[in-house]
C-alpha cells in the first residue's frame, strides 16, 4: 500500500466540480506532521502548491489562483485529505499530487522542499 494514494481525478467541463481524496496510510500520528497539502503540475510547468492544511492548528492555505474555488479538508480518523474543487477552468488542468510533511524546518507550505512524502498523482482535465 502506497504511503499516499490519490483518487477522484477525471475529466469535467469548465464550471464543473471534482473532489479529490488522498488516503494517507502513514498518517498514524498527526502530531508528527506539519502540513498536508495538494500540489499540481501542468505539462511543461513546474509543480506548484495549491492548498495545504497545517496539522497543528488546522489553518488552511491556498494559492491565489484557487482561493474561493477550492477547499482543503481532512478527516484524521480516516487518514484522508480532501480537495473540493468548484468552478473549474481549463487552467486547472494538471496532475494533482497529495503531499505530507514531517519536516519542521523553515520551508513554507507551498515549497516542494517542505514535503517528504508524495503520492503518485491523479489527473484532472477541464475542457472549455
C-alpha atoms as a PDB file:
ATOM      1  CA  UNK A   1       0.000   0.000   0.000  1.00  0.00           C
ATOM      2  CA  UNK A   2       1.335   3.392  -1.011  1.00  0.00           C
ATOM      3  CA  UNK A   3       2.050   5.934   1.695  1.00  0.00           C
ATOM      4  CA  UNK A   4      -0.185   8.467  -0.036  1.00  0.00           C
ATOM      5  CA  UNK A   5      -2.781   7.455  -2.629  1.00  0.00           C
ATOM      6  CA  UNK A   6      -4.837   9.990  -4.552  1.00  0.00           C
ATOM      7  CA  UNK A   7      -8.193   9.393  -6.178  1.00  0.00           C
ATOM      8  CA  UNK A   8     -11.075  11.367  -7.630  1.00  0.00           C
ATOM      9  CA  UNK A   9      -9.489  12.880 -10.696  1.00  0.00           C
ATOM     10  CA  UNK A  10     -11.240  12.898 -14.026  1.00  0.00           C
ATOM     11  CA  UNK A  11     -12.481  14.996 -16.910  1.00  0.00           C
ATOM     12  CA  UNK A  12     -15.045  17.736 -16.468  1.00  0.00           C
ATOM     13  CA  UNK A  13     -16.285  20.741 -18.346  1.00  0.00           C
ATOM     14  CA  UNK A  14     -15.469  24.260 -17.282  1.00  0.00           C
ATOM     15  CA  UNK A  15     -17.611  25.295 -14.351  1.00  0.00           C
ATOM     16  CA  UNK A  16     -17.808  21.763 -13.038  1.00  0.00           C
ATOM     17  CA  UNK A  17     -16.589  20.295  -9.776  1.00  0.00           C
ATOM     18  CA  UNK A  18     -14.406  17.438  -8.598  1.00  0.00           C
ATOM     19  CA  UNK A  19     -13.451  16.157  -5.185  1.00  0.00           C
ATOM     20  CA  UNK A  20     -10.011  14.676  -4.783  1.00  0.00           C
ATOM     21  CA  UNK A  21      -9.165  12.329  -1.945  1.00  0.00           C
ATOM     22  CA  UNK A  22      -5.812  11.327  -0.535  1.00  0.00           C
ATOM     23  CA  UNK A  23      -5.586   8.252   1.617  1.00  0.00           C
ATOM     24  CA  UNK A  24      -2.590   8.646   3.900  1.00  0.00           C
ATOM     25  CA  UNK A  25      -1.659   5.295   5.369  1.00  0.00           C
ATOM     26  CA  UNK A  26       1.365   6.905   7.023  1.00  0.00           C
ATOM     27  CA  UNK A  27      -0.755   9.449   8.900  1.00  0.00           C
ATOM     28  CA  UNK A  28      -0.922   7.487  12.125  1.00  0.00           C
ATOM     29  CA  UNK A  29       0.146  10.284  14.483  1.00  0.00           C
ATOM     30  CA  UNK A  30      -0.984  13.740  13.449  1.00  0.00           C
ATOM     31  CA  UNK A  31       1.453  15.402  15.857  1.00  0.00           C
ATOM     32  CA  UNK A  32       4.351  14.281  13.658  1.00  0.00           C
ATOM     33  CA  UNK A  33       3.087  16.137  10.635  1.00  0.00           C
ATOM     34  CA  UNK A  34       3.423  19.796   9.817  1.00  0.00           C
ATOM     35  CA  UNK A  35       1.414  20.071   6.624  1.00  0.00           C
ATOM     36  CA  UNK A  36      -0.879  18.021   4.467  1.00  0.00           C
ATOM     37  CA  UNK A  37      -1.150  19.526   1.025  1.00  0.00           C
ATOM     38  CA  UNK A  38      -2.155  19.343  -2.591  1.00  0.00           C
ATOM     39  CA  UNK A  39       0.166  20.327  -5.420  1.00  0.00           C
ATOM     40  CA  UNK A  40      -0.382  20.255  -9.149  1.00  0.00           C
ATOM     41  CA  UNK A  41       1.774  20.133 -12.234  1.00  0.00           C
ATOM     42  CA  UNK A  42       0.616  21.026 -15.715  1.00  0.00           C
ATOM     43  CA  UNK A  43       2.577  19.880 -18.797  1.00  0.00           C
ATOM     44  CA  UNK A  44       5.681  21.984 -19.251  1.00  0.00           C
ATOM     45  CA  UNK A  45       5.215  23.768 -15.944  1.00  0.00           C
ATOM     46  CA  UNK A  46       6.707  23.441 -12.505  1.00  0.00           C
ATOM     47  CA  UNK A  47       4.870  21.726  -9.705  1.00  0.00           C
ATOM     48  CA  UNK A  48       3.012  24.305  -7.642  1.00  0.00           C
ATOM     49  CA  UNK A  49       1.280  24.366  -4.315  1.00  0.00           C
ATOM     50  CA  UNK A  50      -2.491  24.507  -4.486  1.00  0.00           C
ATOM     51  CA  UNK A  51      -3.629  24.181  -0.883  1.00  0.00           C
ATOM     52  CA  UNK A  52      -2.405  22.966   2.462  1.00  0.00           C
ATOM     53  CA  UNK A  53      -3.614  22.449   5.989  1.00  0.00           C
ATOM     54  CA  UNK A  54      -1.363  22.698   8.985  1.00  0.00           C
ATOM     55  CA  UNK A  55      -1.940  19.701  11.200  1.00  0.00           C
ATOM     56  CA  UNK A  56      -1.439  21.553  14.464  1.00  0.00           C
ATOM     57  CA  UNK A  57      -3.944  24.392  14.260  1.00  0.00           C
ATOM     58  CA  UNK A  58      -5.806  23.268  11.136  1.00  0.00           C
ATOM     59  CA  UNK A  59      -5.037  26.580   9.443  1.00  0.00           C
ATOM     60  CA  UNK A  60      -5.547  26.393   5.712  1.00  0.00           C
ATOM     61  CA  UNK A  61      -3.502  27.928   2.934  1.00  0.00           C
ATOM     62  CA  UNK A  62      -4.420  28.468  -0.700  1.00  0.00           C
ATOM     63  CA  UNK A  63      -2.754  29.623  -3.856  1.00  0.00           C
ATOM     64  CA  UNK A  64      -4.258  32.876  -5.102  1.00  0.00           C
ATOM     65  CA  UNK A  65      -5.421  31.164  -8.277  1.00  0.00           C
ATOM     66  CA  UNK A  66      -7.747  28.821  -6.378  1.00  0.00           C
ATOM     67  CA  UNK A  67      -8.946  30.938  -3.472  1.00  0.00           C
ATOM     68  CA  UNK A  68     -12.715  30.917  -3.229  1.00  0.00           C
ATOM     69  CA  UNK A  69     -12.989  27.878  -5.515  1.00  0.00           C
ATOM     70  CA  UNK A  70     -11.028  25.109  -3.796  1.00  0.00           C
ATOM     71  CA  UNK A  71     -11.363  23.832  -0.244  1.00  0.00           C
ATOM     72  CA  UNK A  72      -8.925  21.548   1.547  1.00  0.00           C
ATOM     73  CA  UNK A  73     -10.116  19.453   4.450  1.00  0.00           C
ATOM     74  CA  UNK A  74      -9.012  16.417   6.397  1.00  0.00           C
ATOM     75  CA  UNK A  75     -10.535  13.521   8.271  1.00  0.00           C
ATOM     76  CA  UNK A  76      -7.994  12.385  10.833  1.00  0.00           C
ATOM     77  CA  UNK A  77      -9.968   9.298  11.770  1.00  0.00           C
ATOM     78  CA  UNK A  78      -9.983   8.143   8.165  1.00  0.00           C
ATOM     79  CA  UNK A  79      -6.443   9.418   7.494  1.00  0.00           C
ATOM     80  CA  UNK A  80      -7.753  11.203   4.451  1.00  0.00           C
ATOM     81  CA  UNK A  81      -7.224  14.646   2.983  1.00  0.00           C
ATOM     82  CA  UNK A  82      -9.718  16.091   0.530  1.00  0.00           C
ATOM     83  CA  UNK A  83      -9.629  18.812  -2.075  1.00  0.00           C
ATOM     84  CA  UNK A  84     -13.022  20.068  -3.159  1.00  0.00           C
ATOM     85  CA  UNK A  85     -12.660  21.898  -6.457  1.00  0.00           C
ATOM     86  CA  UNK A  86     -15.502  24.028  -7.726  1.00  0.00           C
ATOM     87  CA  UNK A  87     -15.930  26.274 -10.734  1.00  0.00           C
ATOM     88  CA  UNK A  88     -13.077  24.557 -12.523  1.00  0.00           C
ATOM     89  CA  UNK A  89     -11.419  26.202 -15.502  1.00  0.00           C
ATOM     90  CA  UNK A  90      -9.151  24.800 -18.231  1.00  0.00           C
ATOM     91  CA  UNK A  91      -6.243  26.414 -16.381  1.00  0.00           C
ATOM     92  CA  UNK A  92      -6.820  23.932 -13.562  1.00  0.00           C
ATOM     93  CA  UNK A  93      -5.905  21.045 -15.861  1.00  0.00           C
ATOM     94  CA  UNK A  94      -2.931  19.258 -14.302  1.00  0.00           C
ATOM     95  CA  UNK A  95      -1.735  16.219 -12.453  1.00  0.00           C
ATOM     96  CA  UNK A  96      -2.658  16.714  -8.813  1.00  0.00           C
ATOM     97  CA  UNK A  97      -0.416  15.355  -6.080  1.00  0.00           C
ATOM     98  CA  UNK A  98      -1.007  14.809  -2.408  1.00  0.00           C
ATOM     99  CA  UNK A  99       1.913  15.627  -0.121  1.00  0.00           C
ATOM    100  CA  UNK A 100       2.713  15.309   3.563  1.00  0.00           C
ATOM    101  CA  UNK A 101       5.434  16.894   5.630  1.00  0.00           C
ATOM    102  CA  UNK A 102       7.214  15.770   8.756  1.00  0.00           C
ATOM    103  CA  UNK A 103       9.935  18.350   8.151  1.00  0.00           C
ATOM    104  CA  UNK A 104       9.836  21.047  10.795  1.00  0.00           C
ATOM    105  CA  UNK A 105      12.141  23.476   9.007  1.00  0.00           C
ATOM    106  CA  UNK A 106      11.912  26.975   7.559  1.00  0.00           C
ATOM    107  CA  UNK A 107      10.079  25.863   4.446  1.00  0.00           C
ATOM    108  CA  UNK A 108       6.696  27.318   3.655  1.00  0.00           C
ATOM    109  CA  UNK A 109       3.591  25.390   2.771  1.00  0.00           C
ATOM    110  CA  UNK A 110       3.973  25.945  -0.966  1.00  0.00           C
ATOM    111  CA  UNK A 111       7.618  24.890  -1.273  1.00  0.00           C
ATOM    112  CA  UNK A 112       8.383  21.431  -2.597  1.00  0.00           C
ATOM    113  CA  UNK A 113      11.289  21.002  -0.214  1.00  0.00           C
ATOM    114  CA  UNK A 114       8.908  21.296   2.723  1.00  0.00           C
ATOM    115  CA  UNK A 115       7.478  17.844   1.914  1.00  0.00           C
ATOM    116  CA  UNK A 116       8.978  14.409   2.253  1.00  0.00           C
ATOM    117  CA  UNK A 117       6.008  12.243   1.247  1.00  0.00           C
ATOM    118  CA  UNK A 118       4.316  12.349  -2.154  1.00  0.00           C
ATOM    119  CA  UNK A 119       1.568  10.446  -3.874  1.00  0.00           C
ATOM    120  CA  UNK A 120       1.624   9.244  -7.471  1.00  0.00           C
ATOM    121  CA  UNK A 121      -0.886  11.822  -8.652  1.00  0.00           C
ATOM    122  CA  UNK A 122      -4.339  11.915 -10.170  1.00  0.00           C
ATOM    123  CA  UNK A 123      -5.125  13.623 -13.452  1.00  0.00           C
ATOM    124  CA  UNK A 124      -7.651  16.457 -13.654  1.00  0.00           C
ATOM    125  CA  UNK A 125      -8.684  17.637 -17.102  1.00  0.00           C
ATOM    126  CA  UNK A 126     -11.038  20.565 -17.591  1.00  0.00           C
ATOM    127  CA  UNK A 127     -12.425  21.246 -21.045  1.00  0.00           C
ATOM    128  CA  UNK A 128     -13.841  24.558 -22.224  1.00  0.00           C
END
